[in-house]
């Protein structure tokens, strides 16, 4: 596993905190978002839901990472829980730990530019792609199939 862990304050939609090691053996898609980000709500999160619905859980895990770098007071754990319920987002969602600078810790450690971002890991836990902004479904599907196929070939 790469040494790029999650730095999380809380987890929602799961009964325990998760680590990258929990996804070893499957490709992993991490949708990095803020619930008050229009691009996240209109594009990123719906795409993550489509990924979760399209691919078998044994091949691809989908999770969210709520990384807040603005409007902190409007982004409480309670507000996020209500948001996830209202938008019917059922996959696990981590709350990124606040950093010492303006960026949350995981967002900074992963070298992300902002939200929405989609990060893909292969079956061994190696970060293979970082997409900032909107990603075309067909291109993303091909990338995910490539990661899944690597495990099947090996």
N, C-alpha and C. Protein backbone atom coordinates (compact mmCIF):
# COMPACT_ATOMS: atom_id res chain seq x y z
N UNK A 1 0.85 -1.19 0.00
CA UNK A 1 0.00 0.00 0.00
C UNK A 1 0.88 1.25 0.00
N UNK A 2 0.50 2.25 -0.78
CA UNK A 2 1.22 3.51 -0.76
C UNK A 2 1.07 4.14 0.62
N UNK A 3 2.02 4.95 0.98
CA UNK A 3 1.97 5.62 2.28
C UNK A 3 1.22 6.94 2.15
N UNK A 4 -0.03 6.87 1.75
CA UNK A 4 -0.87 8.06 1.62
C UNK A 4 -2.22 7.77 2.28
N UNK A 5 -2.22 7.71 3.58
CA UNK A 5 -3.44 7.32 4.29
C UNK A 5 -4.50 8.40 4.29
N UNK A 6 -5.68 7.99 4.73
CA UNK A 6 -6.73 8.95 5.04
C UNK A 6 -6.35 9.61 6.35
N UNK A 7 -6.68 10.89 6.48
CA UNK A 7 -6.56 11.60 7.75
C UNK A 7 -7.99 12.04 8.05
N UNK A 8 -8.72 11.23 8.78
CA UNK A 8 -10.15 11.50 8.94
C UNK A 8 -10.52 11.84 10.37
N UNK A 9 -11.52 12.69 10.48
CA UNK A 9 -12.05 13.07 11.79
C UNK A 9 -13.23 12.17 12.17
N UNK A 10 -14.04 11.79 11.19
CA UNK A 10 -15.23 10.95 11.42
C UNK A 10 -15.55 10.18 10.14
N UNK A 11 -16.37 9.15 10.28
CA UNK A 11 -16.90 8.39 9.15
C UNK A 11 -18.41 8.32 9.28
N UNK A 12 -19.10 8.38 8.16
CA UNK A 12 -20.55 8.21 8.10
C UNK A 12 -20.85 7.05 7.14
N UNK A 13 -22.00 6.44 7.32
CA UNK A 13 -22.47 5.32 6.49
C UNK A 13 -21.59 4.08 6.63
N UNK A 14 -20.92 3.93 7.74
CA UNK A 14 -20.14 2.74 8.05
C UNK A 14 -20.10 2.61 9.57
N UNK A 15 -19.95 1.37 10.03
CA UNK A 15 -19.96 1.16 11.48
C UNK A 15 -18.59 1.28 12.13
N UNK A 16 -17.55 1.55 11.31
CA UNK A 16 -16.20 1.70 11.87
C UNK A 16 -15.35 2.55 10.94
N UNK A 17 -14.29 3.14 11.46
CA UNK A 17 -13.37 3.88 10.58
C UNK A 17 -12.71 2.93 9.59
N UNK A 18 -12.50 3.40 8.38
CA UNK A 18 -11.89 2.59 7.33
C UNK A 18 -10.50 3.12 7.00
N UNK A 19 -9.67 2.25 6.45
CA UNK A 19 -8.33 2.63 5.98
C UNK A 19 -8.19 2.15 4.55
N UNK A 20 -7.16 2.60 3.87
CA UNK A 20 -6.92 2.13 2.50
C UNK A 20 -6.74 0.62 2.47
N UNK A 21 -6.18 0.06 3.53
CA UNK A 21 -5.98 -1.39 3.58
C UNK A 21 -7.31 -2.16 3.52
N UNK A 22 -8.38 -1.55 3.98
CA UNK A 22 -9.69 -2.21 3.93
C UNK A 22 -10.15 -2.48 2.50
N UNK A 23 -9.56 -1.81 1.53
CA UNK A 23 -9.99 -1.94 0.14
C UNK A 23 -9.00 -2.74 -0.70
N UNK A 24 -7.96 -3.25 -0.08
CA UNK A 24 -6.95 -4.02 -0.80
C UNK A 24 -7.64 -5.21 -1.50
N UNK A 25 -7.29 -5.43 -2.75
CA UNK A 25 -7.91 -6.49 -3.54
C UNK A 25 -9.02 -5.98 -4.44
N UNK A 26 -9.44 -4.72 -4.23
CA UNK A 26 -10.45 -4.09 -5.08
C UNK A 26 -9.90 -2.75 -5.56
N UNK A 27 -10.35 -2.31 -6.70
CA UNK A 27 -10.08 -0.93 -7.10
C UNK A 27 -10.93 -0.04 -6.19
N UNK A 28 -10.48 1.18 -6.01
CA UNK A 28 -11.16 2.12 -5.12
C UNK A 28 -11.33 3.45 -5.82
N UNK A 29 -12.55 3.98 -5.80
CA UNK A 29 -12.84 5.33 -6.29
C UNK A 29 -13.23 6.18 -5.09
N UNK A 30 -12.52 7.29 -4.90
CA UNK A 30 -12.81 8.21 -3.79
C UNK A 30 -13.29 9.52 -4.38
N UNK A 31 -14.53 9.85 -4.11
CA UNK A 31 -15.10 11.13 -4.55
C UNK A 31 -14.84 12.15 -3.44
N UNK A 32 -13.99 13.13 -3.74
CA UNK A 32 -13.64 14.17 -2.78
C UNK A 32 -14.56 15.36 -3.07
N UNK A 33 -15.31 15.76 -2.05
CA UNK A 33 -16.37 16.75 -2.27
C UNK A 33 -16.58 17.64 -1.06
N UNK A 34 -17.35 18.70 -1.30
CA UNK A 34 -17.93 19.53 -0.24
C UNK A 34 -19.42 19.59 -0.53
N UNK A 35 -20.23 19.45 0.48
CA UNK A 35 -21.67 19.43 0.23
C UNK A 35 -22.21 20.77 -0.24
N UNK A 36 -21.46 21.86 -0.05
CA UNK A 36 -21.90 23.17 -0.52
C UNK A 36 -21.27 23.55 -1.86
N UNK A 37 -20.64 22.61 -2.52
CA UNK A 37 -19.99 22.83 -3.82
C UNK A 37 -20.95 22.41 -4.93
N UNK A 38 -21.41 23.35 -5.77
CA UNK A 38 -22.35 22.99 -6.83
C UNK A 38 -21.84 21.90 -7.77
N UNK A 39 -20.57 21.96 -8.17
CA UNK A 39 -20.01 20.94 -9.06
C UNK A 39 -20.01 19.57 -8.43
N UNK A 40 -19.84 19.52 -7.12
CA UNK A 40 -19.86 18.24 -6.40
C UNK A 40 -21.27 17.67 -6.39
N UNK A 41 -22.25 18.51 -6.08
CA UNK A 41 -23.64 18.06 -5.96
C UNK A 41 -24.23 17.70 -7.31
N UNK A 42 -23.91 18.48 -8.33
CA UNK A 42 -24.50 18.25 -9.65
C UNK A 42 -23.75 17.22 -10.49
N UNK A 43 -22.45 17.06 -10.27
CA UNK A 43 -21.66 16.18 -11.12
C UNK A 43 -20.93 15.08 -10.35
N UNK A 44 -20.08 15.46 -9.41
CA UNK A 44 -19.21 14.49 -8.75
C UNK A 44 -19.94 13.40 -7.99
N UNK A 45 -20.84 13.80 -7.10
CA UNK A 45 -21.55 12.79 -6.29
C UNK A 45 -22.47 11.91 -7.12
N UNK A 46 -23.24 12.46 -8.07
CA UNK A 46 -24.05 11.57 -8.93
C UNK A 46 -23.18 10.58 -9.71
N UNK A 47 -22.02 11.02 -10.16
CA UNK A 47 -21.13 10.11 -10.88
C UNK A 47 -20.62 9.01 -9.94
N UNK A 48 -20.29 9.36 -8.71
CA UNK A 48 -19.85 8.35 -7.75
C UNK A 48 -20.97 7.35 -7.49
N UNK A 49 -22.20 7.83 -7.40
CA UNK A 49 -23.34 6.92 -7.21
C UNK A 49 -23.49 5.99 -8.42
N UNK A 50 -23.29 6.52 -9.62
CA UNK A 50 -23.37 5.67 -10.82
C UNK A 50 -22.27 4.61 -10.80
N UNK A 51 -21.07 4.99 -10.38
CA UNK A 51 -20.00 4.00 -10.26
C UNK A 51 -20.40 2.88 -9.29
N UNK A 52 -20.93 3.27 -8.14
CA UNK A 52 -21.32 2.29 -7.13
C UNK A 52 -22.43 1.37 -7.64
N UNK A 53 -23.32 1.90 -8.45
CA UNK A 53 -24.43 1.10 -8.99
C UNK A 53 -24.00 0.23 -10.16
N UNK A 54 -22.99 0.65 -10.90
CA UNK A 54 -22.59 -0.04 -12.13
C UNK A 54 -21.64 -1.19 -11.89
N UNK A 55 -20.68 -1.02 -10.99
CA UNK A 55 -19.64 -2.02 -10.80
C UNK A 55 -19.91 -2.87 -9.56
N UNK A 56 -19.52 -4.12 -9.64
CA UNK A 56 -19.67 -5.06 -8.53
C UNK A 56 -18.77 -4.64 -7.38
N UNK A 57 -19.30 -4.69 -6.16
CA UNK A 57 -18.54 -4.30 -4.96
C UNK A 57 -17.26 -5.11 -4.78
N UNK A 58 -17.23 -6.33 -5.30
CA UNK A 58 -16.02 -7.15 -5.15
C UNK A 58 -14.89 -6.65 -6.05
N UNK A 59 -15.23 -5.84 -7.07
CA UNK A 59 -14.25 -5.28 -7.99
C UNK A 59 -13.91 -3.82 -7.71
N UNK A 60 -14.91 -3.04 -7.32
CA UNK A 60 -14.72 -1.60 -7.12
C UNK A 60 -15.45 -1.15 -5.86
N UNK A 61 -14.72 -0.52 -4.96
CA UNK A 61 -15.32 0.14 -3.80
C UNK A 61 -15.43 1.62 -4.12
N UNK A 62 -16.51 2.24 -3.68
CA UNK A 62 -16.72 3.67 -3.87
C UNK A 62 -16.96 4.28 -2.51
N UNK A 63 -16.21 5.33 -2.21
CA UNK A 63 -16.40 6.06 -0.95
C UNK A 63 -16.34 7.55 -1.24
N UNK A 64 -16.77 8.32 -0.27
CA UNK A 64 -16.67 9.77 -0.35
C UNK A 64 -15.69 10.30 0.67
N UNK A 65 -15.11 11.44 0.39
CA UNK A 65 -14.24 12.15 1.32
C UNK A 65 -14.68 13.60 1.34
N UNK A 66 -15.31 14.00 2.43
CA UNK A 66 -15.80 15.37 2.58
C UNK A 66 -14.64 16.24 3.05
N UNK A 67 -14.08 17.02 2.13
CA UNK A 67 -12.90 17.84 2.39
C UNK A 67 -13.27 19.31 2.32
N UNK A 68 -13.42 19.91 3.48
CA UNK A 68 -13.91 21.29 3.56
C UNK A 68 -12.74 22.26 3.70
N UNK A 69 -12.66 23.19 2.75
CA UNK A 69 -11.64 24.23 2.85
C UNK A 69 -12.24 25.62 2.79
N UNK A 70 -13.57 25.71 2.84
CA UNK A 70 -14.28 26.99 2.90
C UNK A 70 -15.65 26.75 3.51
N UNK A 71 -16.27 27.80 4.02
CA UNK A 71 -17.61 27.72 4.62
C UNK A 71 -17.68 26.65 5.72
N UNK A 72 -16.71 26.66 6.62
CA UNK A 72 -16.61 25.63 7.65
C UNK A 72 -17.85 25.53 8.53
N UNK A 73 -18.45 26.65 8.88
CA UNK A 73 -19.59 26.60 9.80
C UNK A 73 -20.81 25.94 9.19
N UNK A 74 -20.94 25.96 7.88
CA UNK A 74 -22.08 25.32 7.22
C UNK A 74 -21.85 23.85 6.90
N UNK A 75 -20.72 23.31 7.31
CA UNK A 75 -20.35 21.95 6.94
C UNK A 75 -20.14 21.05 8.16
N UNK A 76 -21.04 21.08 9.09
CA UNK A 76 -20.91 20.26 10.30
C UNK A 76 -21.17 18.78 9.98
N UNK A 77 -20.75 17.93 10.90
CA UNK A 77 -21.00 16.49 10.77
C UNK A 77 -22.51 16.23 10.67
N UNK A 78 -23.29 16.92 11.48
CA UNK A 78 -24.74 16.74 11.49
C UNK A 78 -25.36 17.17 10.17
N UNK A 79 -24.89 18.30 9.63
CA UNK A 79 -25.40 18.77 8.33
C UNK A 79 -25.03 17.78 7.23
N UNK A 80 -23.82 17.25 7.29
CA UNK A 80 -23.39 16.27 6.28
C UNK A 80 -24.24 15.00 6.38
N UNK A 81 -24.51 14.54 7.58
CA UNK A 81 -25.34 13.34 7.75
C UNK A 81 -26.73 13.55 7.13
N UNK A 82 -27.31 14.72 7.36
CA UNK A 82 -28.63 15.03 6.79
C UNK A 82 -28.53 15.11 5.26
N UNK A 83 -27.48 15.73 4.75
CA UNK A 83 -27.25 15.84 3.31
C UNK A 83 -27.17 14.45 2.66
N UNK A 84 -26.36 13.57 3.25
CA UNK A 84 -26.22 12.21 2.70
C UNK A 84 -27.55 11.48 2.69
N UNK A 85 -28.34 11.66 3.74
CA UNK A 85 -29.66 11.02 3.81
C UNK A 85 -30.57 11.57 2.71
N UNK A 86 -30.63 12.88 2.58
CA UNK A 86 -31.51 13.52 1.60
C UNK A 86 -31.14 13.15 0.16
N UNK A 87 -29.86 13.05 -0.12
CA UNK A 87 -29.38 12.75 -1.47
C UNK A 87 -29.23 11.25 -1.70
N UNK A 88 -29.62 10.45 -0.71
CA UNK A 88 -29.59 8.97 -0.79
C UNK A 88 -28.19 8.45 -1.16
N UNK A 89 -27.21 9.00 -0.49
CA UNK A 89 -25.83 8.55 -0.68
C UNK A 89 -25.55 7.53 0.41
N UNK A 90 -25.36 6.28 0.00
CA UNK A 90 -25.24 5.18 0.96
C UNK A 90 -23.82 4.65 1.12
N UNK A 91 -22.91 5.03 0.24
CA UNK A 91 -21.55 4.53 0.40
C UNK A 91 -20.87 5.25 1.57
N UNK A 92 -19.83 4.65 2.14
CA UNK A 92 -19.13 5.29 3.27
C UNK A 92 -18.55 6.65 2.88
N UNK A 93 -18.62 7.58 3.83
CA UNK A 93 -18.09 8.92 3.62
C UNK A 93 -17.24 9.30 4.83
N UNK A 94 -16.00 9.68 4.55
CA UNK A 94 -15.09 10.16 5.60
C UNK A 94 -15.13 11.68 5.63
N UNK A 95 -14.91 12.22 6.81
CA UNK A 95 -14.75 13.67 6.95
C UNK A 95 -13.26 13.93 7.12
N UNK A 96 -12.70 14.65 6.17
CA UNK A 96 -11.27 14.95 6.16
C UNK A 96 -10.91 15.77 7.40
N UNK A 97 -9.78 15.44 8.00
CA UNK A 97 -9.30 16.15 9.18
C UNK A 97 -8.77 17.52 8.77
N UNK A 98 -9.08 18.52 9.57
CA UNK A 98 -8.62 19.87 9.29
C UNK A 98 -7.10 19.93 9.35
N UNK A 99 -6.50 20.59 8.39
CA UNK A 99 -5.05 20.72 8.34
C UNK A 99 -4.57 21.95 9.09
N UNK A 100 -3.26 22.14 9.08
CA UNK A 100 -2.69 23.31 9.73
C UNK A 100 -2.80 24.54 8.84
N UNK A 101 -2.89 24.33 7.53
CA UNK A 101 -3.07 25.42 6.58
C UNK A 101 -4.51 25.46 6.12
N UNK A 102 -4.75 26.03 4.94
CA UNK A 102 -6.13 26.14 4.46
C UNK A 102 -6.74 24.82 3.98
N UNK A 103 -5.90 23.85 3.58
CA UNK A 103 -6.43 22.60 3.04
C UNK A 103 -6.56 21.53 4.11
N UNK A 104 -7.60 20.70 4.02
CA UNK A 104 -7.70 19.54 4.91
C UNK A 104 -6.53 18.59 4.70
N UNK A 105 -6.25 17.77 5.69
CA UNK A 105 -5.02 16.95 5.68
C UNK A 105 -4.94 15.94 4.54
N UNK A 106 -6.02 15.18 4.28
CA UNK A 106 -5.96 14.19 3.21
C UNK A 106 -5.86 14.88 1.85
N UNK A 107 -6.63 15.94 1.68
CA UNK A 107 -6.59 16.68 0.42
C UNK A 107 -5.17 17.17 0.14
N UNK A 108 -4.51 17.68 1.14
CA UNK A 108 -3.13 18.16 0.97
C UNK A 108 -2.17 17.00 0.72
N UNK A 109 -2.30 15.92 1.51
CA UNK A 109 -1.40 14.77 1.36
C UNK A 109 -1.52 14.14 -0.03
N UNK A 110 -2.73 14.15 -0.60
CA UNK A 110 -2.95 13.55 -1.90
C UNK A 110 -2.66 14.50 -3.05
N UNK A 111 -2.30 15.75 -2.76
CA UNK A 111 -1.96 16.72 -3.79
C UNK A 111 -3.15 17.16 -4.63
N UNK A 112 -4.32 17.30 -4.01
CA UNK A 112 -5.53 17.67 -4.75
C UNK A 112 -5.65 19.18 -4.86
N UNK A 113 -6.29 19.63 -5.93
CA UNK A 113 -6.45 21.06 -6.22
C UNK A 113 -7.72 21.64 -5.62
N UNK A 114 -8.73 20.84 -5.42
CA UNK A 114 -10.01 21.34 -4.94
C UNK A 114 -11.08 20.29 -5.12
N UNK A 115 -12.33 20.76 -5.10
CA UNK A 115 -13.46 19.85 -5.26
C UNK A 115 -14.31 20.31 -6.43
N UNK A 116 -14.96 19.37 -7.10
CA UNK A 116 -14.89 17.93 -6.91
C UNK A 116 -13.59 17.34 -7.48
N UNK A 117 -13.12 16.33 -6.83
CA UNK A 117 -11.99 15.54 -7.31
C UNK A 117 -12.35 14.08 -7.19
N UNK A 118 -11.87 13.29 -8.12
CA UNK A 118 -12.07 11.85 -8.07
C UNK A 118 -10.69 11.20 -8.11
N UNK A 119 -10.43 10.37 -7.11
CA UNK A 119 -9.14 9.71 -6.98
C UNK A 119 -9.35 8.22 -7.14
N UNK A 120 -8.54 7.59 -7.99
CA UNK A 120 -8.65 6.15 -8.24
C UNK A 120 -7.40 5.45 -7.72
N UNK A 121 -7.63 4.34 -7.03
CA UNK A 121 -6.57 3.48 -6.53
C UNK A 121 -6.72 2.11 -7.17
N UNK A 122 -5.60 1.44 -7.44
CA UNK A 122 -5.69 0.09 -7.99
C UNK A 122 -5.90 -0.92 -6.86
N UNK A 123 -5.94 -2.19 -7.22
CA UNK A 123 -6.23 -3.25 -6.25
C UNK A 123 -5.15 -3.40 -5.17
N UNK A 124 -3.97 -2.84 -5.41
CA UNK A 124 -2.89 -2.91 -4.42
C UNK A 124 -2.85 -1.67 -3.53
N UNK A 125 -3.72 -0.71 -3.79
CA UNK A 125 -3.77 0.52 -3.00
C UNK A 125 -2.91 1.64 -3.53
N UNK A 126 -2.40 1.48 -4.75
CA UNK A 126 -1.58 2.53 -5.35
C UNK A 126 -2.48 3.56 -6.03
N UNK A 127 -2.24 4.84 -5.72
CA UNK A 127 -3.00 5.89 -6.38
C UNK A 127 -2.63 5.90 -7.85
N UNK A 128 -3.66 5.80 -8.70
CA UNK A 128 -3.40 5.71 -10.14
C UNK A 128 -3.92 6.92 -10.92
N UNK A 129 -4.87 7.66 -10.36
CA UNK A 129 -5.41 8.82 -11.08
C UNK A 129 -6.00 9.82 -10.10
N UNK A 130 -5.83 11.10 -10.46
CA UNK A 130 -6.46 12.20 -9.72
C UNK A 130 -7.12 13.09 -10.76
N UNK A 131 -8.43 13.19 -10.69
CA UNK A 131 -9.18 14.03 -11.63
C UNK A 131 -9.77 15.20 -10.85
N UNK A 132 -9.52 16.40 -11.33
CA UNK A 132 -10.11 17.60 -10.73
C UNK A 132 -11.19 18.11 -11.66
N UNK A 133 -12.39 18.30 -11.14
CA UNK A 133 -13.50 18.77 -11.95
C UNK A 133 -14.27 17.60 -12.54
N UNK A 134 -15.03 17.89 -13.56
CA UNK A 134 -15.90 16.89 -14.17
C UNK A 134 -15.10 15.92 -15.04
N UNK A 135 -15.45 14.63 -14.95
CA UNK A 135 -14.83 13.57 -15.74
C UNK A 135 -15.93 12.93 -16.58
N UNK A 136 -15.65 12.70 -17.84
CA UNK A 136 -16.64 12.05 -18.72
C UNK A 136 -16.88 10.61 -18.25
N UNK A 137 -18.14 10.21 -18.17
CA UNK A 137 -18.49 8.86 -17.70
C UNK A 137 -17.79 7.76 -18.50
N UNK A 138 -17.76 7.90 -19.82
CA UNK A 138 -17.17 6.85 -20.66
C UNK A 138 -15.67 6.73 -20.38
N UNK A 139 -14.97 7.84 -20.27
CA UNK A 139 -13.54 7.81 -19.99
C UNK A 139 -13.27 7.23 -18.61
N UNK A 140 -14.08 7.61 -17.63
CA UNK A 140 -13.92 7.09 -16.28
C UNK A 140 -14.22 5.59 -16.24
N UNK A 141 -15.27 5.17 -16.93
CA UNK A 141 -15.61 3.74 -16.97
C UNK A 141 -14.48 2.92 -17.57
N UNK A 142 -13.84 3.45 -18.61
CA UNK A 142 -12.72 2.74 -19.23
C UNK A 142 -11.55 2.65 -18.26
N UNK A 143 -11.30 3.73 -17.53
CA UNK A 143 -10.21 3.72 -16.55
C UNK A 143 -10.47 2.70 -15.45
N UNK A 144 -11.69 2.68 -14.94
CA UNK A 144 -12.04 1.74 -13.88
C UNK A 144 -11.94 0.31 -14.39
N UNK A 145 -12.44 0.06 -15.59
CA UNK A 145 -12.34 -1.30 -16.15
C UNK A 145 -10.87 -1.72 -16.30
N UNK A 146 -10.01 -0.78 -16.66
CA UNK A 146 -8.59 -1.09 -16.76
C UNK A 146 -8.03 -1.51 -15.41
N UNK A 147 -8.41 -0.79 -14.36
CA UNK A 147 -7.92 -1.15 -13.02
C UNK A 147 -8.47 -2.50 -12.56
N UNK A 148 -9.73 -2.75 -12.85
CA UNK A 148 -10.34 -4.02 -12.49
C UNK A 148 -9.67 -5.16 -13.28
N UNK A 149 -9.45 -4.93 -14.56
CA UNK A 149 -8.84 -5.94 -15.42
C UNK A 149 -7.42 -6.30 -15.02
N UNK A 150 -6.68 -5.36 -14.46
CA UNK A 150 -5.33 -5.65 -14.00
C UNK A 150 -5.33 -6.74 -12.93
N UNK A 151 -6.28 -6.69 -12.05
CA UNK A 151 -6.37 -7.70 -11.00
C UNK A 151 -6.80 -9.04 -11.53
N UNK A 152 -7.67 -9.02 -12.53
CA UNK A 152 -8.13 -10.29 -13.11
C UNK A 152 -7.02 -10.96 -13.91
N UNK A 153 -6.19 -10.16 -14.58
CA UNK A 153 -5.10 -10.72 -15.38
C UNK A 153 -4.00 -11.29 -14.49
N UNK A 154 -3.82 -10.65 -13.29
CA UNK A 154 -2.75 -11.11 -12.38
C UNK A 154 -3.25 -12.20 -11.51
